[in-house]
PDB file of N, CA and C in Angstrom:
ATOM      1  N   MET A   1      -1.279  10.224  -7.002  1.00  0.00           N
ATOM      2  CA  MET A   1      -2.603   9.672  -6.748  1.00  0.00           C
ATOM      3  C   MET A   1      -2.723   9.576  -5.275  1.00  0.00           C
ATOM      4  N   SER A   2      -3.561  10.399  -4.607  1.00  0.00           N
ATOM      5  CA  SER A   2      -3.684  10.324  -3.154  1.00  0.00           C
ATOM      6  C   SER A   2      -5.048  10.691  -2.646  1.00  0.00           C
ATOM      7  N   GLN A   3      -5.390  10.327  -1.398  1.00  0.00           N
ATOM      8  CA  GLN A   3      -6.704  10.715  -0.768  1.00  0.00           C
ATOM      9  C   GLN A   3      -6.320  10.743   0.728  1.00  0.00           C
ATOM     10  N   VAL A   4      -6.451  11.893   1.362  1.00  0.00           N
ATOM     11  CA  VAL A   4      -6.090  12.068   2.765  1.00  0.00           C
ATOM     12  C   VAL A   4      -7.163  12.915   3.446  1.00  0.00           C
ATOM     13  N   GLY A   5      -7.532  12.580   4.663  1.00  0.00           N
ATOM     14  CA  GLY A   5      -8.415  13.498   5.446  1.00  0.00           C
ATOM     15  C   GLY A   5      -9.689  12.947   5.906  1.00  0.00           C
ATOM     16  N   ARG A   6     -10.455  12.260   5.021  1.00  0.00           N
ATOM     17  CA  ARG A   6     -11.692  11.669   5.441  1.00  0.00           C
ATOM     18  C   ARG A   6     -11.509  10.572   6.417  1.00  0.00           C
ATOM     19  N   THR A   7     -12.569  10.270   7.228  1.00  0.00           N
ATOM     20  CA  THR A   7     -12.371   9.341   8.310  1.00  0.00           C
ATOM     21  C   THR A   7     -13.120   8.033   8.275  1.00  0.00           C
ATOM     22  N   LYS A   8     -14.199   7.873   7.546  1.00  0.00           N
ATOM     23  CA  LYS A   8     -14.937   6.625   7.585  1.00  0.00           C
ATOM     24  C   LYS A   8     -15.449   6.187   6.219  1.00  0.00           C
ATOM     25  N   TYR A   9     -15.428   4.864   6.028  1.00  0.00           N
ATOM     26  CA  TYR A   9     -16.223   4.148   4.974  1.00  0.00           C
ATOM     27  C   TYR A   9     -15.981   4.807   3.559  1.00  0.00           C
ATOM     28  N   ILE A  10     -14.837   4.602   3.123  1.00  0.00           N
ATOM     29  CA  ILE A  10     -14.443   5.068   1.797  1.00  0.00           C
ATOM     30  C   ILE A  10     -14.060   3.913   0.924  1.00  0.00           C
ATOM     31  N   MET A  11     -14.495   3.969  -0.355  1.00  0.00           N
ATOM     32  CA  MET A  11     -14.002   2.975  -1.330  1.00  0.00           C
ATOM     33  C   MET A  11     -13.783   3.740  -2.628  1.00  0.00           C
ATOM     34  N   ALA A  12     -12.653   3.575  -3.295  1.00  0.00           N
ATOM     35  CA  ALA A  12     -12.340   4.299  -4.487  1.00  0.00           C
ATOM     36  C   ALA A  12     -11.713   3.409  -5.446  1.00  0.00           C
ATOM     37  N   HIS A  13     -11.944   3.660  -6.722  1.00  0.00           N
ATOM     38  CA  HIS A  13     -11.277   2.996  -7.846  1.00  0.00           C
ATOM     39  C   HIS A  13     -10.704   4.044  -8.801  1.00  0.00           C
ATOM     40  N   TYR A  14      -9.581   3.840  -9.254  1.00  0.00           N
ATOM     41  CA  TYR A  14      -8.988   4.698 -10.312  1.00  0.00           C
ATOM     42  C   TYR A  14      -8.653   3.851 -11.510  1.00  0.00           C
ATOM     43  N   ASP A  15      -9.070   4.308 -12.713  1.00  0.00           N
ATOM     44  CA  ASP A  15      -8.684   3.648 -13.855  1.00  0.00           C
ATOM     45  C   ASP A  15      -8.143   4.704 -14.861  1.00  0.00           C
ATOM     46  N   GLY A  16      -7.007   4.517 -15.456  1.00  0.00           N
ATOM     47  CA  GLY A  16      -6.422   5.455 -16.330  1.00  0.00           C
ATOM     48  C   GLY A  16      -5.184   4.858 -16.986  1.00  0.00           C
ATOM     49  N   HIS A  17      -4.235   5.717 -17.315  1.00  0.00           N
ATOM     50  CA  HIS A  17      -2.980   5.310 -17.965  1.00  0.00           C
ATOM     51  C   HIS A  17      -1.807   6.009 -17.207  1.00  0.00           C
ATOM     52  N   ILE A  18      -0.658   5.375 -17.200  1.00  0.00           N
ATOM     53  CA  ILE A  18       0.495   5.929 -16.642  1.00  0.00           C
ATOM     54  C   ILE A  18       1.620   5.964 -17.745  1.00  0.00           C
ATOM     55  N   GLN A  19       2.290   7.081 -17.834  1.00  0.00           N
ATOM     56  CA  GLN A  19       3.406   7.181 -18.825  1.00  0.00           C
ATOM     57  C   GLN A  19       4.620   6.604 -18.115  1.00  0.00           C
ATOM     58  N   LEU A  20       5.224   5.573 -18.781  1.00  0.00           N
ATOM     59  CA  LEU A  20       6.454   4.958 -18.325  1.00  0.00           C
ATOM     60  C   LEU A  20       7.447   4.894 -19.460  1.00  0.00           C
ATOM     61  N   GLU A  21       8.731   5.146 -19.111  1.00  0.00           N
ATOM     62  CA  GLU A  21       9.787   4.916 -20.083  1.00  0.00           C
ATOM     63  C   GLU A  21      10.193   3.452 -20.063  1.00  0.00           C
ATOM     64  N   GLU A  22      10.794   3.019 -21.141  1.00  0.00           N
ATOM     65  CA  GLU A  22      11.247   1.640 -21.256  1.00  0.00           C
ATOM     66  C   GLU A  22      12.219   1.369 -20.029  1.00  0.00           C
ATOM     67  N   GLY A  23      11.963   0.226 -19.383  1.00  0.00           N
ATOM     68  CA  GLY A  23      12.781  -0.143 -18.266  1.00  0.00           C
ATOM     69  C   GLY A  23      11.958  -0.771 -17.149  1.00  0.00           C
ATOM     70  N   THR A  24      12.627  -1.011 -16.054  1.00  0.00           N
ATOM     71  CA  THR A  24      12.001  -1.685 -14.874  1.00  0.00           C
ATOM     72  C   THR A  24      11.687  -0.654 -13.801  1.00  0.00           C
ATOM     73  N   TRP A  25      10.475  -0.761 -13.371  1.00  0.00           N
ATOM     74  CA  TRP A  25       9.879   0.143 -12.337  1.00  0.00           C
ATOM     75  C   TRP A  25       9.386  -0.501 -11.145  1.00  0.00           C
ATOM     76  N   GLU A  26       9.754   0.167  -9.983  1.00  0.00           N
ATOM     77  CA  GLU A  26       9.258  -0.390  -8.685  1.00  0.00           C
ATOM     78  C   GLU A  26       8.004   0.459  -8.260  1.00  0.00           C
ATOM     79  N   PHE A  27       6.954  -0.197  -7.747  1.00  0.00           N
ATOM     80  CA  PHE A  27       5.717   0.461  -7.297  1.00  0.00           C
ATOM     81  C   PHE A  27       5.523   0.072  -5.873  1.00  0.00           C
ATOM     82  N   GLY A  28       4.759   0.943  -5.182  1.00  0.00           N
ATOM     83  CA  GLY A  28       4.326   0.744  -3.810  1.00  0.00           C
ATOM     84  C   GLY A  28       3.062   1.450  -3.502  1.00  0.00           C
ATOM     85  N   LEU A  29       2.411   1.022  -2.369  1.00  0.00           N
ATOM     86  CA  LEU A  29       1.226   1.597  -1.979  1.00  0.00           C
ATOM     87  C   LEU A  29       1.263   1.917  -0.479  1.00  0.00           C
ATOM     88  N   TRP A  30       0.904   3.114  -0.030  1.00  0.00           N
ATOM     89  CA  TRP A  30       0.731   3.462   1.345  1.00  0.00           C
ATOM     90  C   TRP A  30      -0.754   3.498   1.484  1.00  0.00           C
ATOM     91  N   SER A  31      -1.298   2.843   2.558  1.00  0.00           N
ATOM     92  CA  SER A  31      -2.794   3.003   2.780  1.00  0.00           C
ATOM     93  C   SER A  31      -3.143   2.641   4.182  1.00  0.00           C
ATOM     94  N   SER A  32      -4.158   3.256   4.675  1.00  0.00           N
ATOM     95  CA  SER A  32      -4.782   2.631   5.987  1.00  0.00           C
ATOM     96  C   SER A  32      -5.988   1.910   5.485  1.00  0.00           C
ATOM     97  N   ASN A  33      -5.955   0.666   5.645  1.00  0.00           N
ATOM     98  CA  ASN A  33      -6.844  -0.384   5.123  1.00  0.00           C
ATOM     99  C   ASN A  33      -6.401  -0.695   3.645  1.00  0.00           C
ATOM    100  N   GLY A  34      -7.178  -1.472   2.989  1.00  0.00           N
ATOM    101  CA  GLY A  34      -6.749  -2.200   1.829  1.00  0.00           C
ATOM    102  C   GLY A  34      -6.516  -1.384   0.531  1.00  0.00           C
ATOM    103  N   SER A  35      -5.478  -1.815  -0.166  1.00  0.00           N
ATOM    104  CA  SER A  35      -5.269  -1.242  -1.516  1.00  0.00           C
ATOM    105  C   SER A  35      -4.662  -2.220  -2.455  1.00  0.00           C
ATOM    106  N   LEU A  36      -4.875  -2.024  -3.722  1.00  0.00           N
ATOM    107  CA  LEU A  36      -4.353  -2.938  -4.731  1.00  0.00           C
ATOM    108  C   LEU A  36      -3.926  -2.072  -5.893  1.00  0.00           C
ATOM    109  N   LEU A  37      -2.871  -2.417  -6.622  1.00  0.00           N
ATOM    110  CA  LEU A  37      -2.464  -1.733  -7.780  1.00  0.00           C
ATOM    111  C   LEU A  37      -2.106  -2.695  -8.902  1.00  0.00           C
ATOM    112  N   TYR A  38      -2.783  -2.420 -10.064  1.00  0.00           N
ATOM    113  CA  TYR A  38      -2.625  -3.228 -11.271  1.00  0.00           C
ATOM    114  C   TYR A  38      -1.995  -2.364 -12.350  1.00  0.00           C
ATOM    115  N   ILE A  39      -1.033  -2.903 -13.154  1.00  0.00           N
ATOM    116  CA  ILE A  39      -0.574  -2.271 -14.361  1.00  0.00           C
ATOM    117  C   ILE A  39      -0.775  -3.348 -15.487  1.00  0.00           C
ATOM    118  N   GLU A  40      -1.503  -2.824 -16.511  1.00  0.00           N
ATOM    119  CA  GLU A  40      -1.779  -3.765 -17.645  1.00  0.00           C
ATOM    120  C   GLU A  40      -2.429  -4.990 -17.148  1.00  0.00           C
ATOM    121  N   ASP A  41      -3.426  -4.840 -16.222  1.00  0.00           N
ATOM    122  CA  ASP A  41      -4.247  -5.984 -15.634  1.00  0.00           C
ATOM    123  C   ASP A  41      -3.404  -6.961 -14.818  1.00  0.00           C
ATOM    124  N   GLU A  42      -2.184  -6.641 -14.525  1.00  0.00           N
ATOM    125  CA  GLU A  42      -1.384  -7.569 -13.697  1.00  0.00           C
ATOM    126  C   GLU A  42      -1.275  -7.009 -12.307  1.00  0.00           C
ATOM    127  N   LEU A  43      -1.561  -7.714 -11.258  1.00  0.00           N
ATOM    128  CA  LEU A  43      -1.507  -7.247  -9.892  1.00  0.00           C
ATOM    129  C   LEU A  43       0.021  -6.988  -9.591  1.00  0.00           C
ATOM    130  N   ILE A  44       0.316  -5.810  -9.268  1.00  0.00           N
ATOM    131  CA  ILE A  44       1.701  -5.320  -9.045  1.00  0.00           C
ATOM    132  C   ILE A  44       1.962  -5.115  -7.490  1.00  0.00           C
ATOM    133  N   VAL A  45       1.049  -4.623  -6.808  1.00  0.00           N
ATOM    134  CA  VAL A  45       1.129  -4.399  -5.343  1.00  0.00           C
ATOM    135  C   VAL A  45      -0.097  -4.784  -4.623  1.00  0.00           C
ATOM    136  N   ASP A  46       0.039  -5.607  -3.657  1.00  0.00           N
ATOM    137  CA  ASP A  46      -1.085  -6.052  -2.808  1.00  0.00           C
ATOM    138  C   ASP A  46      -0.882  -5.605  -1.397  1.00  0.00           C
ATOM    139  N   ASN A  47      -1.649  -4.582  -1.043  1.00  0.00           N
ATOM    140  CA  ASN A  47      -1.662  -4.038   0.337  1.00  0.00           C
ATOM    141  C   ASN A  47      -3.035  -4.216   0.908  1.00  0.00           C
ATOM    142  N   ASP A  48      -3.688  -5.253   0.621  1.00  0.00           N
ATOM    143  CA  ASP A  48      -5.090  -5.395   0.942  1.00  0.00           C
ATOM    144  C   ASP A  48      -5.265  -5.804   2.411  1.00  0.00           C
ATOM    145  N   GLY A  49      -6.521  -5.726   2.853  1.00  0.00           N
ATOM    146  CA  GLY A  49      -6.882  -6.105   4.217  1.00  0.00           C
ATOM    147  C   GLY A  49      -7.088  -4.946   5.167  1.00  0.00           C
ATOM    148  N   LYS A  50      -7.692  -5.168   6.342  1.00  0.00           N
ATOM    149  CA  LYS A  50      -7.830  -4.133   7.312  1.00  0.00           C
ATOM    150  C   LYS A  50      -6.603  -4.023   8.133  1.00  0.00           C
ATOM    151  N   HIS A  51      -6.011  -2.832   8.081  1.00  0.00           N
ATOM    152  CA  HIS A  51      -4.731  -2.583   8.904  1.00  0.00           C
ATOM    153  C   HIS A  51      -4.574  -1.060   9.047  1.00  0.00           C
ATOM    154  N   GLU A  52      -3.640  -0.732   9.906  1.00  0.00           N
ATOM    155  CA  GLU A  52      -3.242   0.664  10.193  1.00  0.00           C
ATOM    156  C   GLU A  52      -2.441   1.142   8.870  1.00  0.00           C
ATOM    157  N   LYS A  53      -2.148   2.405   8.770  1.00  0.00           N
ATOM    158  CA  LYS A  53      -1.427   2.937   7.661  1.00  0.00           C
ATOM    159  C   LYS A  53      -0.065   2.140   7.539  1.00  0.00           C
ATOM    160  N   ARG A  54       0.208   1.620   6.399  1.00  0.00           N
ATOM    161  CA  ARG A  54       1.445   0.919   6.136  1.00  0.00           C
ATOM    162  C   ARG A  54       1.750   1.046   4.666  1.00  0.00           C
ATOM    163  N   GLU A  55       3.012   0.783   4.358  1.00  0.00           N
ATOM    164  CA  GLU A  55       3.447   0.724   2.999  1.00  0.00           C
ATOM    165  C   GLU A  55       3.866  -0.647   2.596  1.00  0.00           C
ATOM    166  N   VAL A  56       3.442  -1.090   1.403  1.00  0.00           N
ATOM    167  CA  VAL A  56       3.919  -2.257   0.706  1.00  0.00           C
ATOM    168  C   VAL A  56       4.614  -1.771  -0.498  1.00  0.00           C
ATOM    169  N   ARG A  57       5.841  -2.065  -0.703  1.00  0.00           N
ATOM    170  CA  ARG A  57       6.547  -1.710  -1.871  1.00  0.00           C
ATOM    171  C   ARG A  57       7.361  -2.920  -2.483  1.00  0.00           C
ATOM    172  N   GLY A  58       7.841  -2.718  -3.582  1.00  0.00           N
ATOM    173  CA  GLY A  58       8.572  -3.809  -4.292  1.00  0.00           C
ATOM    174  C   GLY A  58       7.874  -4.490  -5.438  1.00  0.00           C
ATOM    175  N   GLY A  59       6.679  -3.995  -5.771  1.00  0.00           N
ATOM    176  CA  GLY A  59       5.986  -4.555  -6.950  1.00  0.00           C
ATOM    177  C   GLY A  59       6.719  -4.037  -8.178  1.00  0.00           C
ATOM    178  N   MET A  60       7.191  -4.953  -9.017  1.00  0.00           N
ATOM    179  CA  MET A  60       8.008  -4.611 -10.168  1.00  0.00           C
ATOM    180  C   MET A  60       7.241  -4.839 -11.474  1.00  0.00           C
ATOM    181  N   PHE A  61       7.433  -3.797 -12.354  1.00  0.00           N
ATOM    182  CA  PHE A  61       6.779  -3.950 -13.695  1.00  0.00           C
ATOM    183  C   PHE A  61       7.879  -3.417 -14.675  1.00  0.00           C
ATOM    184  N   THR A  62       8.089  -4.251 -15.766  1.00  0.00           N
ATOM    185  CA  THR A  62       8.990  -3.953 -16.831  1.00  0.00           C
ATOM    186  C   THR A  62       8.217  -3.404 -18.050  1.00  0.00           C
ATOM    187  N   ALA A  63       8.463  -2.152 -18.340  1.00  0.00           N
ATOM    188  CA  ALA A  63       7.863  -1.517 -19.582  1.00  0.00           C
ATOM    189  C   ALA A  63       8.795  -1.856 -20.734  1.00  0.00           C
ATOM    190  N   PRO A  64       8.210  -2.673 -21.707  1.00  0.00           N
ATOM    191  CA  PRO A  64       9.088  -3.096 -22.880  1.00  0.00           C
ATOM    192  C   PRO A  64       9.383  -1.971 -23.776  1.00  0.00           C
ATOM    193  N   LYS A  65       8.591  -0.861 -23.709  1.00  0.00           N
ATOM    194  CA  LYS A  65       8.878   0.347 -24.543  1.00  0.00           C
ATOM    195  C   LYS A  65       8.294   1.537 -23.836  1.00  0.00           C
ATOM    196  N   THR A  66       8.787   2.687 -24.250  1.00  0.00           N
ATOM    197  CA  THR A  66       8.209   3.959 -23.660  1.00  0.00           C
ATOM    198  C   THR A  66       6.804   4.140 -24.212  1.00  0.00           C
ATOM    199  N   GLY A  67       5.942   4.465 -23.308  1.00  0.00           N
ATOM    200  CA  GLY A  67       4.509   4.676 -23.715  1.00  0.00           C
ATOM    201  C   GLY A  67       3.578   4.699 -22.515  1.00  0.00           C
ATOM    202  N   MET A  68       2.318   4.628 -22.911  1.00  0.00           N
ATOM    203  CA  MET A  68       1.187   4.619 -21.910  1.00  0.00           C
ATOM    204  C   MET A  68       0.806   3.174 -21.506  1.00  0.00           C
ATOM    205  N   TYR A  69       0.633   2.931 -20.235  1.00  0.00           N
ATOM    206  CA  TYR A  69       0.217   1.607 -19.773  1.00  0.00           C
ATOM    207  C   TYR A  69      -0.998   1.780 -18.897  1.00  0.00           C
ATOM    208  N   LYS A  70      -1.871   0.790 -19.016  1.00  0.00           N
ATOM    209  CA  LYS A  70      -3.083   0.861 -18.199  1.00  0.00           C
ATOM    210  C   LYS A  70      -2.715   0.772 -16.741  1.00  0.00           C
ATOM    211  N   ILE A  71      -3.393   1.550 -15.872  1.00  0.00           N
ATOM    212  CA  ILE A  71      -3.198   1.491 -14.472  1.00  0.00           C
ATOM    213  C   ILE A  71      -4.598   1.396 -13.758  1.00  0.00           C
ATOM    214  N   HIS A  72      -4.740   0.611 -12.746  1.00  0.00           N
ATOM    215  CA  HIS A  72      -5.915   0.513 -12.065  1.00  0.00           C
ATOM    216  C   HIS A  72      -5.605   0.346 -10.510  1.00  0.00           C
ATOM    217  N   ALA A  73      -6.223   1.168  -9.706  1.00  0.00           N
ATOM    218  CA  ALA A  73      -5.987   1.133  -8.252  1.00  0.00           C
ATOM    219  C   ALA A  73      -7.341   1.030  -7.559  1.00  0.00           C
ATOM    220  N   GLU A  74      -7.355   0.223  -6.454  1.00  0.00           N
ATOM    221  CA  GLU A  74      -8.478   0.086  -5.631  1.00  0.00           C
ATOM    222  C   GLU A  74      -8.058   0.384  -4.188  1.00  0.00           C
ATOM    223  N   TRP A  75      -8.953   1.060  -3.436  1.00  0.00           N
ATOM    224  CA  TRP A  75      -8.665   1.347  -2.027  1.00  0.00           C
ATOM    225  C   TRP A  75      -9.933   1.355  -1.232  1.00  0.00           C
ATOM    226  N   PHE A  76      -9.890   0.760  -0.016  1.00  0.00           N
ATOM    227  CA  PHE A  76     -11.042   0.977   0.844  1.00  0.00           C
ATOM    228  C   PHE A  76     -10.508   1.366   2.256  1.00  0.00           C
ATOM    229  N   HIS A  77     -11.420   2.060   3.013  1.00  0.00           N
ATOM    230  CA  HIS A  77     -11.008   2.463   4.316  1.00  0.00           C
ATOM    231  C   HIS A  77     -12.237   2.322   5.264  1.00  0.00           C
ATOM    232  N   ASN A  78     -11.944   1.835   6.485  1.00  0.00           N
ATOM    233  CA  ASN A  78     -12.994   1.451   7.366  1.00  0.00           C
ATOM    234  C   ASN A  78     -12.986   2.176   8.762  1.00  0.00           C
ATOM    235  N   GLY A  79     -12.468   3.377   8.809  1.00  0.00           N
ATOM    236  CA  GLY A  79     -12.499   4.148  10.064  1.00  0.00           C
ATOM    237  C   GLY A  79     -11.142   4.684  10.407  1.00  0.00           C
ATOM    238  N   GLY A  80     -11.158   5.757  11.197  1.00  0.00           N
ATOM    239  CA  GLY A  80      -9.977   6.456  11.592  1.00  0.00           C
ATOM    240  C   GLY A  80      -9.408   7.322  10.530  1.00  0.00           C
ATOM    241  N   PRO A  81      -8.249   7.948  10.719  1.00  0.00           N
ATOM    242  CA  PRO A  81      -7.638   8.827   9.696  1.00  0.00           C
ATOM    243  C   PRO A  81      -7.404   7.971   8.387  1.00  0.00           C
ATOM    244  N   ALA A  82      -7.848   8.508   7.278  1.00  0.00           N
ATOM    245  CA  ALA A  82      -7.761   7.843   6.040  1.00  0.00           C
ATOM    246  C   ALA A  82      -6.493   8.311   5.246  1.00  0.00           C
ATOM    247  N   SER A  83      -5.844   7.376   4.540  1.00  0.00           N
ATOM    248  CA  SER A  83      -4.762   7.839   3.653  1.00  0.00           C
ATOM    249  C   SER A  83      -4.495   6.707   2.645  1.00  0.00           C
ATOM    250  N   PHE A  84      -4.142   7.200   1.482  1.00  0.00           N
ATOM    251  CA  PHE A  84      -3.878   6.320   0.308  1.00  0.00           C
ATOM    252  C   PHE A  84      -2.973   7.094  -0.658  1.00  0.00           C
ATOM    253  N   TYR A  85      -1.803   6.517  -1.060  1.00  0.00           N
ATOM    254  CA  TYR A  85      -1.108   6.986  -2.213  1.00  0.00           C
ATOM    255  C   TYR A  85      -0.217   5.921  -2.796  1.00  0.00           C
ATOM    256  N   ALA A  86       0.059   6.093  -4.092  1.00  0.00           N
ATOM    257  CA  ALA A  86       0.898   5.180  -4.847  1.00  0.00           C
ATOM    258  C   ALA A  86       2.200   5.858  -5.154  1.00  0.00           C
ATOM    259  N   SER A  87       3.245   5.032  -5.136  1.00  0.00           N
ATOM    260  CA  SER A  87       4.621   5.515  -5.421  1.00  0.00           C
ATOM    261  C   SER A  87       5.224   4.721  -6.512  1.00  0.00           C
ATOM    262  N   VAL A  88       6.258   5.323  -7.138  1.00  0.00           N
ATOM    263  CA  VAL A  88       6.979   4.641  -8.311  1.00  0.00           C
ATOM    264  C   VAL A  88       8.439   5.165  -8.255  1.00  0.00           C
ATOM    265  N   GLY A  89       9.315   4.342  -8.684  1.00  0.00           N
ATOM    266  CA  GLY A  89      10.702   4.738  -8.902  1.00  0.00           C
ATOM    267  C   GLY A  89      11.331   3.835  -9.902  1.00  0.00           C
ATOM    268  N   GLY A  90      12.520   4.161 -10.364  1.00  0.00           N
ATOM    269  CA  GLY A  90      13.339   3.334 -11.294  1.00  0.00           C
ATOM    270  C   GLY A  90      13.324   3.823 -12.719  1.00  0.00           C
ATOM    271  N   GLY A  91      13.126   2.932 -13.644  1.00  0.00           N
ATOM    272  CA  GLY A  91      13.167   3.322 -15.010  1.00  0.00           C
ATOM    273  C   GLY A  91      14.563   3.463 -15.514  1.00  0.00           C
ATOM    274  N   PRO A  92      14.724   3.917 -16.808  1.00  0.00           N
ATOM    275  CA  PRO A  92      16.064   4.041 -17.348  1.00  0.00           C
ATOM    276  C   PRO A  92      16.957   5.091 -16.684  1.00  0.00           C
ATOM    277  N   ASP A  93      16.279   6.093 -16.056  1.00  0.00           N
ATOM    278  CA  ASP A  93      17.035   7.192 -15.400  1.00  0.00           C
ATOM    279  C   ASP A  93      17.145   7.009 -13.937  1.00  0.00           C
ATOM    280  N   ASP A  94      16.739   5.808 -13.438  1.00  0.00           N
ATOM    281  CA  ASP A  94      16.716   5.520 -11.957  1.00  0.00           C
ATOM    282  C   ASP A  94      16.142   6.631 -11.186  1.00  0.00           C
ATOM    283  N   ILE A  95      14.899   6.958 -11.543  1.00  0.00           N
ATOM    284  CA  ILE A  95      14.146   8.046 -10.891  1.00  0.00           C
ATOM    285  C   ILE A  95      13.949   7.591  -9.371  1.00  0.00           C
ATOM    286  N   ALA A  96      14.087   8.569  -8.550  1.00  0.00           N
ATOM    287  CA  ALA A  96      13.898   8.285  -7.058  1.00  0.00           C
ATOM    288  C   ALA A  96      12.462   7.885  -6.781  1.00  0.00           C
ATOM    289  N   TYR A  97      12.381   6.866  -5.907  1.00  0.00           N
ATOM    290  CA  TYR A  97      11.050   6.312  -5.493  1.00  0.00           C
ATOM    291  C   TYR A  97      10.356   7.464  -4.715  1.00  0.00           C
ATOM    292  N   ALA A  98       9.117   7.784  -5.195  1.00  0.00           N
ATOM    293  CA  ALA A  98       8.249   8.849  -4.557  1.00  0.00           C
ATOM    294  C   ALA A  98       6.827   8.710  -5.048  1.00  0.00           C
ATOM    295  N   GLU A  99       5.985   9.493  -4.490  1.00  0.00           N
ATOM    296  CA  GLU A  99       4.585   9.404  -4.856  1.00  0.00           C
ATOM    297  C   GLU A  99       4.462   9.712  -6.403  1.00  0.00           C
ATOM    298  N   ILE A 100       3.574   8.967  -7.097  1.00  0.00           N
ATOM    299  CA  ILE A 100       3.414   9.189  -8.509  1.00  0.00           C
ATOM    300  C   ILE A 100       2.961  10.539  -8.839  1.00  0.00           C
ATOM    301  N   LYS A 101       3.680  11.243  -9.705  1.00  0.00           N
ATOM    302  CA  LYS A 101       3.347  12.602 -10.029  1.00  0.00           C
ATOM    303  C   LYS A 101       2.147  12.610 -11.026  1.00  0.00           C
ATOM    304  N   GLN A 102       1.322  13.709 -10.844  1.00  0.00           N
ATOM    305  CA  GLN A 102       0.120  13.826 -11.716  1.00  0.00           C
ATOM    306  C   GLN A 102       0.468  13.823 -13.225  1.00  0.00           C
ATOM    307  N   GLU A 103       1.688  14.346 -13.499  1.00  0.00           N
ATOM    308  CA  GLU A 103       2.046  14.489 -14.941  1.00  0.00           C
ATOM    309  C   GLU A 103       2.185  13.134 -15.581  1.00  0.00           C
ATOM    310  N   ARG A 104       2.394  12.050 -14.831  1.00  0.00           N
ATOM    311  CA  ARG A 104       2.495  10.627 -15.350  1.00  0.00           C
ATOM    312  C   ARG A 104       1.142   9.971 -15.606  1.00  0.00           C
ATOM    313  N   LEU A 105       0.110  10.565 -14.990  1.00  0.00           N
ATOM    314  CA  LEU A 105      -1.271   9.930 -15.021  1.00  0.00           C
ATOM    315  C   LEU A 105      -2.204  10.556 -16.014  1.00  0.00           C
ATOM    316  N   PHE A 106      -2.895   9.748 -16.785  1.00  0.00           N
ATOM    317  CA  PHE A 106      -3.868  10.173 -17.780  1.00  0.00           C
ATOM    318  C   PHE A 106      -5.174   9.437 -17.643  1.00  0.00           C
TER     319      PHE A 106
END
């Protein structure tokens, strides 16, 4: 889930589902200006506010069983080089923390 290249006045919302295996997952957001990430309507990562590109990570979510979970992301950008992406790692196989792969998103 990413957006790179545009320079001014962007606001985006993403609603969908993410496939997670049973276990505990760490989430993070890289963005220039504000971004929020929710799983199952619970705020997991708060990288909100006007700021240069930065990452906030460490938002934890425990999937009680393998399956699809609601995911919602919000992002705004207010000038300069734009960037946004969400990352995940962990789970039962201790998957390396990296940008969320398209195959996980529905």
